[in-house]
């Protein structure tokens, strides 16, 4: 289960990306989450995924 609150979700995603996943696609596949859903929620609070840093910034 992922957090519904976008700010909590940001923290959750960046922690998972830092500690467990080499990229957003692998995280989404493993957690069975649509990538567009995640990126849209993060855009709603002004964050985008940076592939080089493997985090939302």
N, C-alpha and C. Protein backbone atom coordinates (compact mmCIF):
# COMPACT_ATOMS: atom_id res chain seq x y z
N UNK A 1 0.84 -1.19 0.00
CA UNK A 1 0.00 0.00 0.00
C UNK A 1 0.88 1.25 0.00
N UNK A 2 0.59 2.16 -0.91
CA UNK A 2 1.37 3.39 -0.97
C UNK A 2 0.59 4.53 -0.33
N UNK A 3 1.29 5.53 0.19
CA UNK A 3 0.61 6.68 0.81
C UNK A 3 -0.27 7.42 -0.20
N UNK A 4 -1.39 7.88 0.25
CA UNK A 4 -2.30 8.65 -0.60
C UNK A 4 -1.93 10.13 -0.63
N UNK A 5 -1.42 10.64 0.48
CA UNK A 5 -1.00 12.03 0.56
C UNK A 5 0.23 12.24 -0.34
N UNK A 6 0.18 13.20 -1.27
CA UNK A 6 1.28 13.39 -2.21
C UNK A 6 2.64 13.66 -1.56
N UNK A 7 2.68 14.40 -0.46
CA UNK A 7 3.95 14.70 0.20
C UNK A 7 4.52 13.44 0.86
N UNK A 8 3.66 12.66 1.48
CA UNK A 8 4.10 11.39 2.07
C UNK A 8 4.53 10.42 0.97
N UNK A 9 3.82 10.45 -0.15
CA UNK A 9 4.17 9.61 -1.29
C UNK A 9 5.54 9.98 -1.83
N UNK A 10 5.85 11.26 -1.90
CA UNK A 10 7.16 11.72 -2.35
C UNK A 10 8.26 11.11 -1.48
N UNK A 11 8.10 11.20 -0.20
CA UNK A 11 9.09 10.64 0.72
C UNK A 11 9.22 9.13 0.55
N UNK A 12 8.09 8.46 0.46
CA UNK A 12 8.05 7.01 0.26
C UNK A 12 8.78 6.62 -1.03
N UNK A 13 8.47 7.28 -2.12
CA UNK A 13 9.07 6.96 -3.41
C UNK A 13 10.57 7.19 -3.41
N UNK A 14 11.01 8.33 -2.91
CA UNK A 14 12.44 8.62 -2.93
C UNK A 14 13.22 7.66 -2.03
N UNK A 15 12.64 7.26 -0.93
CA UNK A 15 13.29 6.26 -0.07
C UNK A 15 13.41 4.93 -0.80
N UNK A 16 12.32 4.48 -1.42
CA UNK A 16 12.34 3.21 -2.16
C UNK A 16 13.32 3.27 -3.33
N UNK A 17 13.33 4.38 -4.05
CA UNK A 17 14.24 4.52 -5.18
C UNK A 17 15.69 4.54 -4.71
N UNK A 18 15.95 5.18 -3.61
CA UNK A 18 17.32 5.27 -3.09
C UNK A 18 17.81 3.91 -2.58
N UNK A 19 16.94 3.20 -1.85
CA UNK A 19 17.38 1.99 -1.14
C UNK A 19 17.12 0.67 -1.85
N UNK A 20 16.12 0.63 -2.76
CA UNK A 20 15.70 -0.67 -3.29
C UNK A 20 15.61 -0.80 -4.80
N UNK A 21 15.44 0.29 -5.52
CA UNK A 21 15.17 0.20 -6.96
C UNK A 21 16.14 1.06 -7.76
N UNK A 22 16.58 0.52 -8.87
CA UNK A 22 17.53 1.25 -9.71
C UNK A 22 16.85 2.26 -10.64
N UNK A 23 15.53 2.15 -10.79
CA UNK A 23 14.80 3.15 -11.57
C UNK A 23 13.30 3.08 -11.27
N UNK A 24 12.58 4.08 -11.73
CA UNK A 24 11.15 4.20 -11.45
C UNK A 24 10.35 3.07 -12.08
N UNK A 25 10.75 2.62 -13.26
CA UNK A 25 10.03 1.53 -13.92
C UNK A 25 10.04 0.26 -13.07
N UNK A 26 11.18 -0.06 -12.49
CA UNK A 26 11.28 -1.27 -11.65
C UNK A 26 10.42 -1.14 -10.39
N UNK A 27 10.42 0.04 -9.80
CA UNK A 27 9.58 0.27 -8.63
C UNK A 27 8.11 0.08 -8.99
N UNK A 28 7.68 0.68 -10.07
CA UNK A 28 6.28 0.59 -10.50
C UNK A 28 5.90 -0.85 -10.83
N UNK A 29 6.77 -1.57 -11.51
CA UNK A 29 6.49 -2.97 -11.84
C UNK A 29 6.35 -3.81 -10.58
N UNK A 30 7.27 -3.63 -9.66
CA UNK A 30 7.27 -4.42 -8.44
C UNK A 30 6.06 -4.14 -7.55
N UNK A 31 5.68 -2.87 -7.47
CA UNK A 31 4.55 -2.48 -6.63
C UNK A 31 3.22 -2.50 -7.37
N UNK A 32 3.26 -2.85 -8.66
CA UNK A 32 2.06 -2.92 -9.50
C UNK A 32 1.29 -1.59 -9.50
N UNK A 33 2.04 -0.53 -9.81
CA UNK A 33 1.50 0.83 -9.86
C UNK A 33 1.75 1.39 -11.25
N UNK A 34 0.78 2.09 -11.80
CA UNK A 34 0.96 2.74 -13.10
C UNK A 34 1.92 3.91 -12.95
N UNK A 35 2.92 3.95 -13.80
CA UNK A 35 3.92 5.01 -13.76
C UNK A 35 3.28 6.38 -13.96
N UNK A 36 2.32 6.48 -14.89
CA UNK A 36 1.65 7.76 -15.13
C UNK A 36 0.91 8.26 -13.90
N UNK A 37 0.33 7.37 -13.14
CA UNK A 37 -0.37 7.76 -11.91
C UNK A 37 0.60 8.40 -10.93
N UNK A 38 1.76 7.77 -10.77
CA UNK A 38 2.78 8.30 -9.85
C UNK A 38 3.31 9.64 -10.34
N UNK A 39 3.69 9.71 -11.61
CA UNK A 39 4.27 10.96 -12.11
C UNK A 39 3.25 12.10 -12.08
N UNK A 40 1.98 11.80 -12.35
CA UNK A 40 0.94 12.83 -12.28
C UNK A 40 0.76 13.35 -10.86
N UNK A 41 0.77 12.45 -9.87
CA UNK A 41 0.63 12.89 -8.47
C UNK A 41 1.81 13.75 -8.05
N UNK A 42 2.99 13.37 -8.50
CA UNK A 42 4.18 14.15 -8.13
C UNK A 42 4.19 15.51 -8.84
N UNK A 43 3.72 15.55 -10.08
CA UNK A 43 3.61 16.83 -10.79
C UNK A 43 2.65 17.77 -10.08
N UNK A 44 1.62 17.20 -9.46
CA UNK A 44 0.62 18.04 -8.77
C UNK A 44 1.22 18.82 -7.60
N UNK A 45 2.37 18.37 -7.09
CA UNK A 45 3.04 19.11 -6.01
C UNK A 45 4.39 19.67 -6.48
N UNK A 46 4.60 19.67 -7.80
CA UNK A 46 5.77 20.34 -8.36
C UNK A 46 7.04 19.50 -8.47
N UNK A 47 6.91 18.18 -8.45
CA UNK A 47 8.08 17.30 -8.55
C UNK A 47 8.03 16.47 -9.82
N UNK A 48 9.21 16.26 -10.40
CA UNK A 48 9.33 15.39 -11.57
C UNK A 48 10.44 14.39 -11.30
N UNK A 49 10.38 13.27 -12.02
CA UNK A 49 11.37 12.22 -11.85
C UNK A 49 12.63 12.55 -12.64
N UNK A 50 13.77 12.49 -11.98
CA UNK A 50 15.06 12.71 -12.61
C UNK A 50 15.75 11.35 -12.73
N UNK A 51 15.88 10.87 -13.97
CA UNK A 51 16.45 9.54 -14.21
C UNK A 51 17.91 9.45 -13.75
N UNK A 52 18.69 10.48 -13.97
CA UNK A 52 20.10 10.45 -13.58
C UNK A 52 20.27 10.34 -12.06
N UNK A 53 19.44 11.04 -11.32
CA UNK A 53 19.52 11.01 -9.86
C UNK A 53 18.67 9.90 -9.26
N UNK A 54 17.79 9.33 -10.08
CA UNK A 54 16.86 8.30 -9.62
C UNK A 54 16.06 8.77 -8.40
N UNK A 55 15.48 9.95 -8.55
CA UNK A 55 14.63 10.48 -7.49
C UNK A 55 13.73 11.57 -8.06
N UNK A 56 12.71 11.89 -7.29
CA UNK A 56 11.83 13.00 -7.66
C UNK A 56 12.43 14.27 -7.08
N UNK A 57 12.55 15.27 -7.96
CA UNK A 57 13.12 16.55 -7.52
C UNK A 57 12.21 17.69 -7.93
